C-alpha atoms as a PDB file:
ATOM      1  CA  MET A   1       0.186   9.008 -30.413  1.00  0.00           C
ATOM      2  CA  SER A   2      -2.502   6.796 -28.895  1.00  0.00           C
ATOM      3  CA  THR A   3      -3.086   6.119 -25.233  1.00  0.00           C
ATOM      4  CA  THR A   4      -2.164   2.480 -25.781  1.00  0.00           C
ATOM      5  CA  SER A   5       1.323   3.383 -26.985  1.00  0.00           C
ATOM      6  CA  LEU A   6       1.840   5.687 -24.068  1.00  0.00           C
ATOM      7  CA  SER A   7       0.733   3.171 -21.445  1.00  0.00           C
ATOM      8  CA  PRO A   8       1.234  -0.481 -22.429  1.00  0.00           C
ATOM      9  CA  CYS A   9      -0.495  -1.668 -19.236  1.00  0.00           C
ATOM     10  CA  ILE A  10      -3.908  -1.025 -20.750  1.00  0.00           C
ATOM     11  CA  ALA A  11      -5.349  -2.947 -23.665  1.00  0.00           C
ATOM     12  CA  ARG A  12      -7.334  -0.157 -25.300  1.00  0.00           C
ATOM     13  CA  PRO A  13      -7.320   3.643 -25.076  1.00  0.00           C
ATOM     14  CA  LEU A  14      -9.227   5.175 -22.214  1.00  0.00           C
ATOM     15  CA  ARG A  15     -12.200   7.344 -23.043  1.00  0.00           C
ATOM     16  CA  PRO A  16     -11.734  10.546 -21.030  1.00  0.00           C
ATOM     17  CA  ARG A  17     -15.371  11.564 -21.358  1.00  0.00           C
ATOM     18  CA  ARG A  18     -16.399   8.467 -19.403  1.00  0.00           C
ATOM     19  CA  VAL A  19     -13.550   8.325 -16.924  1.00  0.00           C
ATOM     20  CA  ASP A  20     -13.118  11.972 -15.974  1.00  0.00           C
ATOM     21  CA  PRO A  21     -16.599  12.455 -14.440  1.00  0.00           C
ATOM     22  CA  LEU A  22     -16.037   9.394 -12.281  1.00  0.00           C
ATOM     23  CA  LEU A  23     -12.687  10.694 -11.095  1.00  0.00           C
ATOM     24  CA  ARG A  24     -14.103  14.136 -10.396  1.00  0.00           C
ATOM     25  CA  ALA A  25     -16.864  12.588  -8.301  1.00  0.00           C
ATOM     26  CA  ALA A  26     -14.334  10.438  -6.444  1.00  0.00           C
ATOM     27  CA  ALA A  27     -12.240  13.504  -5.667  1.00  0.00           C
ATOM     28  CA  GLY A  28     -15.091  15.037  -3.732  1.00  0.00           C
ATOM     29  CA  SER A  29     -15.908  11.895  -1.766  1.00  0.00           C
ATOM     30  CA  SER A  30     -14.390  10.276   1.316  1.00  0.00           C
ATOM     31  CA  LEU A  31     -11.983   8.047  -0.629  1.00  0.00           C
ATOM     32  CA  PRO A  32      -8.843   9.300   1.167  1.00  0.00           C
ATOM     33  CA  LEU A  33     -10.311   8.615   4.617  1.00  0.00           C
ATOM     34  CA  LEU A  34     -11.547   5.183   3.568  1.00  0.00           C
ATOM     35  CA  PHE A  35      -8.151   4.380   2.052  1.00  0.00           C
ATOM     36  CA  ILE A  36      -6.340   5.306   5.272  1.00  0.00           C
ATOM     37  CA  LEU A  37      -8.651   3.131   7.391  1.00  0.00           C
ATOM     38  CA  LEU A  38      -8.404   0.121   5.086  1.00  0.00           C
ATOM     39  CA  TRP A  39      -4.632   0.343   4.656  1.00  0.00           C
ATOM     40  CA  SER A  40      -3.978   0.791   8.371  1.00  0.00           C
ATOM     41  CA  SER A  41      -6.134  -2.208   9.238  1.00  0.00           C
ATOM     42  CA  GLY A  42      -3.809  -4.479   7.277  1.00  0.00           C
ATOM     43  CA  TYR A  43      -1.042  -4.269   9.871  1.00  0.00           C
ATOM     44  CA  VAL A  44      -3.390  -5.308  12.668  1.00  0.00           C
ATOM     45  CA  ALA A  45      -4.891  -8.158  10.620  1.00  0.00           C
ATOM     46  CA  GLY A  46      -1.406  -9.381   9.715  1.00  0.00           C
ATOM     47  CA  LYS A  47      -0.338  -9.317  13.370  1.00  0.00           C
ATOM     48  CA  LEU A  48      -3.410 -11.392  14.286  1.00  0.00           C
ATOM     49  CA  ALA A  49      -2.805 -13.973  11.547  1.00  0.00           C
ATOM     50  CA  LEU A  50       0.958 -14.543  11.835  1.00  0.00           C
ATOM     51  CA  PRO A  51       0.852 -16.668  15.019  1.00  0.00           C
ATOM     52  CA  HIS A  52      -1.072 -19.279  13.004  1.00  0.00           C
ATOM     53  CA  THR A  53       1.053 -19.495   9.837  1.00  0.00           C
ATOM     54  CA  GLY A  54       4.298 -18.308   8.257  1.00  0.00           C
ATOM     55  CA  PRO A  55       4.666 -14.893   6.577  1.00  0.00           C
ATOM     56  CA  LEU A  56       5.084 -16.308   3.072  1.00  0.00           C
ATOM     57  CA  THR A  57       2.224 -18.767   3.503  1.00  0.00           C
ATOM     58  CA  LEU A  58      -0.036 -15.977   4.727  1.00  0.00           C
ATOM     59  CA  LEU A  59       0.896 -13.878   1.704  1.00  0.00           C
ATOM     60  CA  THR A  60       0.225 -16.822  -0.607  1.00  0.00           C
ATOM     61  CA  LEU A  61      -3.274 -17.137   0.863  1.00  0.00           C
ATOM     62  CA  ARG A  62      -3.824 -13.372   0.749  1.00  0.00           C
ATOM     63  CA  PHE A  63      -2.619 -12.775  -2.802  1.00  0.00           C
ATOM     64  CA  GLY A  64      -4.219 -15.981  -4.086  1.00  0.00           C
ATOM     65  CA  LEU A  65      -7.661 -15.047  -2.784  1.00  0.00           C
ATOM     66  CA  ALA A  66      -7.410 -11.520  -4.162  1.00  0.00           C
ATOM     67  CA  ALA A  67      -6.193 -12.812  -7.547  1.00  0.00           C
ATOM     68  CA  VAL A  68      -9.074 -15.285  -7.919  1.00  0.00           C
ATOM     69  CA  VAL A  69     -11.684 -12.628  -7.117  1.00  0.00           C
ATOM     70  CA  LEU A  70     -10.157  -9.906  -9.299  1.00  0.00           C
ATOM     71  CA  LEU A  71      -9.527 -12.149 -12.305  1.00  0.00           C
ATOM     72  CA  ALA A  72     -13.060 -13.541 -12.095  1.00  0.00           C
ATOM     73  CA  VAL A  73     -14.505 -10.017 -11.959  1.00  0.00           C
ATOM     74  CA  ALA A  74     -12.306  -8.933 -14.874  1.00  0.00           C
ATOM     75  CA  ALA A  75     -13.418 -11.892 -17.000  1.00  0.00           C
ATOM     76  CA  ALA A  76     -17.085 -11.503 -16.109  1.00  0.00           C
ATOM     77  CA  THR A  77     -17.187  -7.761 -16.838  1.00  0.00           C
ATOM     78  CA  GLY A  78     -15.105  -7.812 -20.031  1.00  0.00           C
ATOM     79  CA  ALA A  79     -12.211  -5.809 -18.643  1.00  0.00           C
ATOM     80  CA  PRO A  80      -9.408  -4.920 -21.098  1.00  0.00           C
ATOM     81  CA  TRP A  81      -6.136  -6.837 -20.905  1.00  0.00           C
ATOM     82  CA  PRO A  82      -2.611  -5.812 -21.920  1.00  0.00           C
ATOM     83  CA  ARG A  83      -1.923  -6.457 -25.583  1.00  0.00           C
ATOM     84  CA  SER A  84       1.849  -6.536 -25.437  1.00  0.00           C
ATOM     85  CA  ALA A  85       4.411  -8.497 -23.474  1.00  0.00           C
ATOM     86  CA  ARG A  86       5.769  -5.209 -22.197  1.00  0.00           C
ATOM     87  CA  GLY A  87       2.390  -4.350 -20.672  1.00  0.00           C
ATOM     88  CA  TRP A  88       2.228  -7.674 -18.848  1.00  0.00           C
ATOM     89  CA  ALA A  89       5.815  -7.200 -17.662  1.00  0.00           C
ATOM     90  CA  HIS A  90       5.066  -3.743 -16.236  1.00  0.00           C
ATOM     91  CA  LEU A  91       2.153  -5.124 -14.232  1.00  0.00           C
ATOM     92  CA  ALA A  92       4.338  -7.948 -12.947  1.00  0.00           C
ATOM     93  CA  VAL A  93       7.054  -5.526 -11.806  1.00  0.00           C
ATOM     94  CA  VAL A  94       4.543  -3.418  -9.866  1.00  0.00           C
ATOM     95  CA  GLY A  95       3.210  -6.549  -8.180  1.00  0.00           C
ATOM     96  CA  LEU A  96       6.673  -7.774  -7.225  1.00  0.00           C
ATOM     97  CA  LEU A  97       7.650  -4.411  -5.758  1.00  0.00           C
ATOM     98  CA  MET A  98       4.446  -3.182  -4.155  1.00  0.00           C
ATOM     99  CA  GLN A  99       3.074  -6.537  -3.028  1.00  0.00           C
ATOM    100  CA  VAL A 100       5.820  -9.149  -2.705  1.00  0.00           C
ATOM    101  CA  LEU A 101       8.796  -7.090  -1.534  1.00  0.00           C
ATOM    102  CA  HIS A 102       6.747  -4.688   0.583  1.00  0.00           C
ATOM    103  CA  PHE A 103       4.525  -7.162   2.404  1.00  0.00           C
ATOM    104  CA  SER A 104       7.091  -9.955   2.707  1.00  0.00           C
ATOM    105  CA  CYS A 105       9.390  -7.584   4.577  1.00  0.00           C
ATOM    106  CA  ILE A 106       6.589  -6.151   6.715  1.00  0.00           C
ATOM    107  CA  TYR A 107       5.270  -9.594   7.684  1.00  0.00           C
ATOM    108  CA  PHE A 108       8.731 -10.883   8.575  1.00  0.00           C
ATOM    109  CA  ALA A 109       9.210  -7.761  10.725  1.00  0.00           C
ATOM    110  CA  LEU A 110       5.845  -8.328  12.439  1.00  0.00           C
ATOM    111  CA  ARG A 111       6.747 -11.976  12.993  1.00  0.00           C
ATOM    112  CA  SER A 112      10.021 -10.818  14.593  1.00  0.00           C
ATOM    113  CA  GLY A 113       8.159  -8.752  17.177  1.00  0.00           C
ATOM    114  CA  LEU A 114       7.528  -5.414  15.495  1.00  0.00           C
ATOM    115  CA  SER A 115       4.194  -3.994  16.648  1.00  0.00           C
ATOM    116  CA  ALA A 116       1.427  -3.101  14.213  1.00  0.00           C
ATOM    117  CA  GLY A 117       1.674   0.528  15.278  1.00  0.00           C
ATOM    118  CA  VAL A 118       5.427   0.741  14.685  1.00  0.00           C
ATOM    119  CA  ALA A 119       5.013  -0.936  11.277  1.00  0.00           C
ATOM    120  CA  GLY A 120       2.608   1.849  10.387  1.00  0.00           C
ATOM    121  CA  LEU A 121       5.080   4.406  11.701  1.00  0.00           C
ATOM    122  CA  LEU A 122       7.863   3.197   9.420  1.00  0.00           C
ATOM    123  CA  ILE A 123       5.576   3.132   6.391  1.00  0.00           C
ATOM    124  CA  GLY A 124       4.609   6.678   7.409  1.00  0.00           C
ATOM    125  CA  LEU A 125       8.004   7.723   6.074  1.00  0.00           C
ATOM    126  CA  MET A 126       6.766   6.856   2.576  1.00  0.00           C
ATOM    127  CA  PRO A 127       5.534  10.365   1.630  1.00  0.00           C
ATOM    128  CA  LEU A 128       8.926  11.987   1.933  1.00  0.00           C
ATOM    129  CA  ALA A 129      10.680   9.191   0.029  1.00  0.00           C
ATOM    130  CA  THR A 130       7.983   9.087  -2.664  1.00  0.00           C
ATOM    131  CA  ALA A 131       7.883  12.856  -3.109  1.00  0.00           C
ATOM    132  CA  LEU A 132      11.653  12.959  -3.518  1.00  0.00           C
ATOM    133  CA  GLY A 133      11.572  10.038  -5.927  1.00  0.00           C
ATOM    134  CA  ALA A 134       8.734  11.563  -7.946  1.00  0.00           C
ATOM    135  CA  HIS A 135      10.627  14.852  -8.098  1.00  0.00           C
ATOM    136  CA  LEU A 136      13.772  13.145  -9.411  1.00  0.00           C
ATOM    137  CA  TRP A 137      12.267  10.411 -11.580  1.00  0.00           C
ATOM    138  CA  LEU A 138       8.854  11.717 -12.702  1.00  0.00           C
ATOM    139  CA  ALA A 139       9.763  15.441 -12.781  1.00  0.00           C
ATOM    140  CA  GLU A 140       6.869  16.322 -10.472  1.00  0.00           C
ATOM    141  CA  ARG A 141       7.341  19.845  -9.135  1.00  0.00           C
ATOM    142  CA  LEU A 142       7.106  20.645  -5.439  1.00  0.00           C
ATOM    143  CA  ASP A 143       6.648  24.205  -4.229  1.00  0.00           C
ATOM    144  CA  GLY A 144       7.889  25.644  -0.955  1.00  0.00           C
ATOM    145  CA  ARG A 145       4.649  25.028   0.905  1.00  0.00           C
ATOM    146  CA  GLN A 146       4.624  21.388  -0.162  1.00  0.00           C
ATOM    147  CA  TRP A 147       8.160  20.917   1.101  1.00  0.00           C
ATOM    148  CA  LEU A 148       7.192  22.469   4.448  1.00  0.00           C
ATOM    149  CA  ALA A 149       4.172  20.174   4.646  1.00  0.00           C
ATOM    150  CA  LEU A 150       6.371  17.164   3.956  1.00  0.00           C
ATOM    151  CA  LEU A 151       8.800  18.183   6.677  1.00  0.00           C
ATOM    152  CA  GLY A 152       5.917  18.801   9.074  1.00  0.00           C
ATOM    153  CA  GLY A 153       4.521  15.363   8.402  1.00  0.00           C
ATOM    154  CA  LEU A 154       7.940  13.822   8.909  1.00  0.00           C
ATOM    155  CA  ALA A 155       8.247  15.647  12.238  1.00  0.00           C
ATOM    156  CA  GLY A 156       4.898  14.191  13.296  1.00  0.00           C
ATOM    157  CA  VAL A 157       6.096  10.688  12.444  1.00  0.00           C
ATOM    158  CA  ALA A 158       9.277  11.352  14.433  1.00  0.00           C
ATOM    159  CA  LEU A 159       7.214  12.305  17.493  1.00  0.00           C
ATOM    160  CA  VAL A 160       5.361   9.013  17.348  1.00  0.00           C
ATOM    161  CA  ILE A 161       8.560   7.029  16.889  1.00  0.00           C
ATOM    162  CA  ALA A 162      10.160   8.882  19.810  1.00  0.00           C
ATOM    163  CA  ASP A 163       7.674   7.218  22.137  1.00  0.00           C
ATOM    164  CA  LYS A 164       8.643   3.765  20.832  1.00  0.00           C
ATOM    165  CA  PRO A 165      12.409   3.254  21.285  1.00  0.00           C
ATOM    166  CA  LEU A 166      14.156   0.983  18.793  1.00  0.00           C
ATOM    167  CA  GLY A 167      15.664  -1.209  21.477  1.00  0.00           C
ATOM    168  CA  GLY A 168      17.578  -4.178  20.117  1.00  0.00           C
ATOM    169  CA  ALA A 169      15.173  -5.115  17.304  1.00  0.00           C
ATOM    170  CA  TRP A 170      17.405  -3.672  14.579  1.00  0.00           C
ATOM    171  CA  THR A 171      16.792  -6.589  12.228  1.00  0.00           C
ATOM    172  CA  ALA A 172      13.028  -6.098  12.287  1.00  0.00           C
ATOM    173  CA  TYR A 173      13.396  -2.364  11.642  1.00  0.00           C
ATOM    174  CA  ALA A 174      15.873  -2.946   8.802  1.00  0.00           C
ATOM    175  CA  VAL A 175      13.588  -5.481   7.127  1.00  0.00           C
ATOM    176  CA  ALA A 176      10.595  -3.150   7.515  1.00  0.00           C
ATOM    177  CA  GLY A 177      12.685  -0.348   5.990  1.00  0.00           C
ATOM    178  CA  LEU A 178      13.346  -2.555   2.955  1.00  0.00           C
ATOM    179  CA  GLY A 179       9.596  -3.075   2.695  1.00  0.00           C
ATOM    180  CA  LEU A 180       9.167   0.698   2.662  1.00  0.00           C
ATOM    181  CA  LEU A 181      11.556   0.962  -0.285  1.00  0.00           C
ATOM    182  CA  GLY A 182       9.557  -1.669  -2.153  1.00  0.00           C
ATOM    183  CA  LEU A 183       6.336   0.275  -1.617  1.00  0.00           C
ATOM    184  CA  VAL A 184       7.920   3.550  -2.766  1.00  0.00           C
ATOM    185  CA  ALA A 185       9.469   1.974  -5.861  1.00  0.00           C
ATOM    186  CA  GLY A 186       6.194   0.235  -6.736  1.00  0.00           C
ATOM    187  CA  THR A 187       4.221   3.465  -6.368  1.00  0.00           C
ATOM    188  CA  LEU A 188       6.555   5.385  -8.670  1.00  0.00           C
ATOM    189  CA  TYR A 189       6.694   2.554 -11.195  1.00  0.00           C
ATOM    190  CA  GLN A 190       2.898   2.331 -11.150  1.00  0.00           C
ATOM    191  CA  LYS A 191       2.609   6.063 -11.808  1.00  0.00           C
ATOM    192  CA  ARG A 192       5.208   5.984 -14.602  1.00  0.00           C
ATOM    193  CA  PHE A 193       4.204   2.881 -16.554  1.00  0.00           C
ATOM    194  CA  CYS A 194       0.735   1.697 -15.456  1.00  0.00           C
ATOM    195  CA  ALA A 195      -1.189   4.804 -14.435  1.00  0.00           C
ATOM    196  CA  ASN A 196      -4.003   3.979 -16.882  1.00  0.00           C
ATOM    197  CA  MET A 197      -4.292   0.277 -16.197  1.00  0.00           C
ATOM    198  CA  ASP A 198      -7.736  -1.227 -15.732  1.00  0.00           C
ATOM    199  CA  LEU A 199      -8.247  -1.741 -12.001  1.00  0.00           C
ATOM    200  CA  ARG A 200      -9.844  -5.160 -12.489  1.00  0.00           C
ATOM    201  CA  SER A 201      -7.473  -6.907 -14.891  1.00  0.00           C
ATOM    202  CA  GLY A 202      -4.372  -4.939 -13.878  1.00  0.00           C
ATOM    203  CA  ALA A 203      -4.714  -5.592 -10.160  1.00  0.00           C
ATOM    204  CA  GLY A 204      -5.699  -9.197 -10.868  1.00  0.00           C
ATOM    205  CA  VAL A 205      -2.507  -9.799 -12.855  1.00  0.00           C
ATOM    206  CA  GLN A 206      -0.424  -8.169 -10.126  1.00  0.00           C
ATOM    207  CA  MET A 207      -1.981 -10.338  -7.420  1.00  0.00           C
ATOM    208  CA  ALA A 208      -1.605 -13.517  -9.476  1.00  0.00           C
ATOM    209  CA  VAL A 209       2.087 -12.834 -10.121  1.00  0.00           C
ATOM    210  CA  SER A 210       2.589 -12.010  -6.443  1.00  0.00           C
ATOM    211  CA  ALA A 211       0.848 -15.209  -5.293  1.00  0.00           C
ATOM    212  CA  LEU A 212       3.020 -17.369  -7.554  1.00  0.00           C
ATOM    213  CA  ALA A 213       6.183 -15.569  -6.447  1.00  0.00           C
ATOM    214  CA  VAL A 214       5.639 -16.023  -2.700  1.00  0.00           C
ATOM    215  CA  ALA A 215       4.285 -19.572  -3.135  1.00  0.00           C
ATOM    216  CA  ALA A 216       7.566 -20.567  -4.789  1.00  0.00           C
ATOM    217  CA  PHE A 217       9.326 -19.811  -1.482  1.00  0.00           C
ATOM    218  CA  ALA A 218       6.547 -20.618   0.993  1.00  0.00           C
ATOM    219  CA  GLY A 219       6.566 -24.303   0.096  1.00  0.00           C
ATOM    220  CA  PRO A 220      10.289 -25.020   0.604  1.00  0.00           C
ATOM    221  CA  LEU A 221      10.721 -22.656   3.581  1.00  0.00           C
ATOM    222  CA  GLU A 222       7.437 -23.051   5.486  1.00  0.00           C
ATOM    223  CA  GLY A 223       5.788 -26.144   4.032  1.00  0.00           C
ATOM    224  CA  PHE A 224       2.505 -24.210   3.691  1.00  0.00           C
ATOM    225  CA  ALA A 225       1.812 -24.984   7.357  1.00  0.00           C
ATOM    226  CA  VAL A 226      -1.464 -23.387   8.493  1.00  0.00           C
ATOM    227  CA  ASP A 227      -3.374 -23.545  11.774  1.00  0.00           C
ATOM    228  CA  TRP A 228      -6.936 -22.938  10.574  1.00  0.00           C
ATOM    229  CA  THR A 229      -8.379 -21.030  13.525  1.00  0.00           C
ATOM    230  CA  PRO A 230     -11.305 -18.578  13.315  1.00  0.00           C
ATOM    231  CA  GLU A 231      -8.862 -15.753  13.992  1.00  0.00           C
ATOM    232  CA  LEU A 232      -6.727 -16.747  11.001  1.00  0.00           C
ATOM    233  CA  VAL A 233      -9.707 -17.214   8.688  1.00  0.00           C
ATOM    234  CA  GLY A 234     -11.121 -13.810   9.607  1.00  0.00           C
ATOM    235  CA  ALA A 235      -7.778 -12.081   9.163  1.00  0.00           C
ATOM    236  CA  TRP A 236      -7.168 -13.888   5.852  1.00  0.00           C
ATOM    237  CA  LEU A 237     -10.543 -12.850   4.410  1.00  0.00           C
ATOM    238  CA  TRP A 238      -9.990  -9.278   5.564  1.00  0.00           C
ATOM    239  CA  LEU A 239      -6.478  -9.116   4.095  1.00  0.00           C
ATOM    240  CA  GLY A 240      -7.421 -10.765   0.811  1.00  0.00           C
ATOM    241  CA  LEU A 241     -10.711  -9.009   0.113  1.00  0.00           C
ATOM    242  CA  VAL A 242     -10.812  -5.736   2.023  1.00  0.00           C
ATOM    243  CA  ASN A 243      -7.139  -4.808   2.278  1.00  0.00           C
ATOM    244  CA  SER A 244      -5.651  -6.187  -0.950  1.00  0.00           C
ATOM    245  CA  ILE A 245      -8.593  -5.396  -3.228  1.00  0.00           C
ATOM    246  CA  GLY A 246     -10.251  -2.439  -1.521  1.00  0.00           C
ATOM    247  CA  ALA A 247      -7.248  -0.469  -0.265  1.00  0.00           C
ATOM    248  CA  PHE A 248      -5.075  -0.993  -3.330  1.00  0.00           C
ATOM    249  CA  SER A 249      -7.912  -0.199  -5.739  1.00  0.00           C
ATOM    250  CA  LEU A 250      -8.427   3.101  -3.942  1.00  0.00           C
ATOM    251  CA  MET A 251      -4.685   3.759  -4.032  1.00  0.00           C
ATOM    252  CA  PHE A 252      -4.421   3.090  -7.776  1.00  0.00           C
ATOM    253  CA  LEU A 253      -7.476   5.254  -8.440  1.00  0.00           C
ATOM    254  CA  MET A 254      -5.985   8.156  -6.522  1.00  0.00           C
ATOM    255  CA  ILE A 255      -2.573   7.688  -8.185  1.00  0.00           C
ATOM    256  CA  ARG A 256      -4.323   7.829 -11.562  1.00  0.00           C
ATOM    257  CA  ARG A 257      -6.011  11.142 -10.819  1.00  0.00           C
ATOM    258  CA  GLY A 258      -3.155  12.927  -9.027  1.00  0.00           C
ATOM    259  CA  GLN A 259       0.560  13.206  -8.544  1.00  0.00           C
ATOM    260  CA  ALA A 260       2.330  10.340  -6.854  1.00  0.00           C
ATOM    261  CA  GLY A 261       3.672  12.664  -4.184  1.00  0.00           C
ATOM    262  CA  GLN A 262       0.196  13.985  -3.364  1.00  0.00           C
ATOM    263  CA  VAL A 263      -1.222  10.488  -2.937  1.00  0.00           C
ATOM    264  CA  ALA A 264       1.747   9.430  -0.823  1.00  0.00           C
ATOM    265  CA  ARG A 265       1.170  12.259   1.648  1.00  0.00           C
ATOM    266  CA  LEU A 266      -1.917  10.401   2.856  1.00  0.00           C
ATOM    267  CA  PHE A 267       0.496   7.918   4.410  1.00  0.00           C
ATOM    268  CA  PHE A 268       1.411  10.519   7.016  1.00  0.00           C
ATOM    269  CA  LEU A 269      -1.939   9.713   8.655  1.00  0.00           C
ATOM    270  CA  ILE A 270      -1.345   5.951   8.733  1.00  0.00           C
ATOM    271  CA  PRO A 271       1.036   5.917  11.755  1.00  0.00           C
ATOM    272  CA  GLY A 272      -1.543   7.378  14.122  1.00  0.00           C
ATOM    273  CA  VAL A 273      -4.399   5.291  12.766  1.00  0.00           C
ATOM    274  CA  SER A 274      -2.316   2.099  12.916  1.00  0.00           C
ATOM    275  CA  ALA A 275      -1.221   2.882  16.466  1.00  0.00           C
ATOM    276  CA  LEU A 276      -4.833   3.529  17.505  1.00  0.00           C
ATOM    277  CA  MET A 277      -6.004   0.240  15.963  1.00  0.00           C
ATOM    278  CA  GLY A 278      -3.130  -1.572  17.648  1.00  0.00           C
ATOM    279  CA  PHE A 279      -4.136  -0.087  20.974  1.00  0.00           C
ATOM    280  CA  VAL A 280      -7.820  -1.029  20.618  1.00  0.00           C
ATOM    281  CA  LEU A 281      -7.431  -4.493  19.073  1.00  0.00           C
ATOM    282  CA  LEU A 282      -3.995  -5.669  20.240  1.00  0.00           C
ATOM    283  CA  GLY A 283      -3.484  -3.780  23.479  1.00  0.00           C
ATOM    284  CA  GLU A 284      -0.437  -1.912  22.168  1.00  0.00           C
ATOM    285  CA  ARG A 285       0.404   1.209  24.179  1.00  0.00           C
ATOM    286  CA  LEU A 286      -0.718   4.586  22.842  1.00  0.00           C
ATOM    287  CA  ALA A 287       0.910   7.564  24.612  1.00  0.00           C
ATOM    288  CA  PRO A 288       0.037  11.295  24.450  1.00  0.00           C
ATOM    289  CA  LEU A 289       3.266  11.939  22.538  1.00  0.00           C
ATOM    290  CA  ALA A 290       2.104   9.551  19.824  1.00  0.00           C
ATOM    291  CA  MET A 291      -1.247  11.329  19.595  1.00  0.00           C
ATOM    292  CA  ALA A 292       0.552  14.662  19.275  1.00  0.00           C
ATOM    293  CA  GLY A 293       2.569  13.254  16.391  1.00  0.00           C
ATOM    294  CA  PHE A 294      -0.597  12.044  14.698  1.00  0.00           C
ATOM    295  CA  ALA A 295      -2.172  15.492  15.046  1.00  0.00           C
ATOM    296  CA  LEU A 296       0.907  17.157  13.544  1.00  0.00           C
ATOM    297  CA  SER A 297       0.887  14.715  10.625  1.00  0.00           C
ATOM    298  CA  ALA A 298      -2.811  15.368  10.044  1.00  0.00           C
ATOM    299  CA  LEU A 299      -2.201  19.122   9.941  1.00  0.00           C
ATOM    300  CA  ALA A 300       0.612  18.583   7.430  1.00  0.00           C
ATOM    301  CA  VAL A 301      -1.715  16.585   5.164  1.00  0.00           C
ATOM    302  CA  CYS A 302      -4.339  19.328   5.342  1.00  0.00           C
ATOM    303  CA  ALA A 303      -1.731  21.967   4.506  1.00  0.00           C
ATOM    304  CA  ALA A 304      -0.442  19.977   1.539  1.00  0.00           C
ATOM    305  CA  ALA A 305      -3.915  19.243   0.184  1.00  0.00           C
ATOM    306  CA  ALA A 306      -5.344  22.744   0.614  1.00  0.00           C
ATOM    307  CA  LYS A 307      -6.195  24.545  -2.600  1.00  0.00           C
ATOM    308  CA  ARG A 308      -4.052  27.501  -3.566  1.00  0.00           C
END
């Protein structure tokens, strides 16, 4: 059976002899650290941009910019495209889950008063949910040490959350939780159906579908109202180019070369990094208890990633 029949999200079979050396080199680089920094910065950039436009309008600008760049790169470099309707549909589903549902919920929560640090804390629960989902849906095996590492990371997230009481903002937390489910479902779907997609054309299709989806609601609900300030322009360029293209390309690359649960465990580090960025750039409080939770999460990631 060919690679194309196994993964309809790619137009032609991959050539392992060309891809594997690249992946092996990436494994020994600083990709995980770079991914964590880029992903965490998205919550701060979103918090900076939302006072100047609506959540759906901001996502339309973000996804639209990323789609134009990625599709242009794919066309210019001769990237492969899906050959079947099923392949296009799989890419669209990943975009709707991982981009539209996830970020729409997160941006509405940020607009409702959720801090950038707390948004990162809630998304920090992703590893446990993804590992459980991958175990049930993708039949990925988890040994005892991995389960202990997952629980340790979850305990670290709990320490950080303990310093930030929920208060009365239950709606914002519930919406952010729905965004977490969208990210988990998109990650598992990506691993199951589009693990071998071309990063240029595949991500470009996902961003284009996402931009059209949010634009369909941004017009009637928000009227595409935008206050074009330097702060908004800077945040928009960062979200569209660095966060959407850079962070998600790194995520897809790491999903391709490893188990979904292993990649998701990197998200245990995002709460502390997001809280630190929120403290430096937004003045959000960072307490010693939160730093202790970050340290515990970091130790859990190291334990899970250590070679046997």
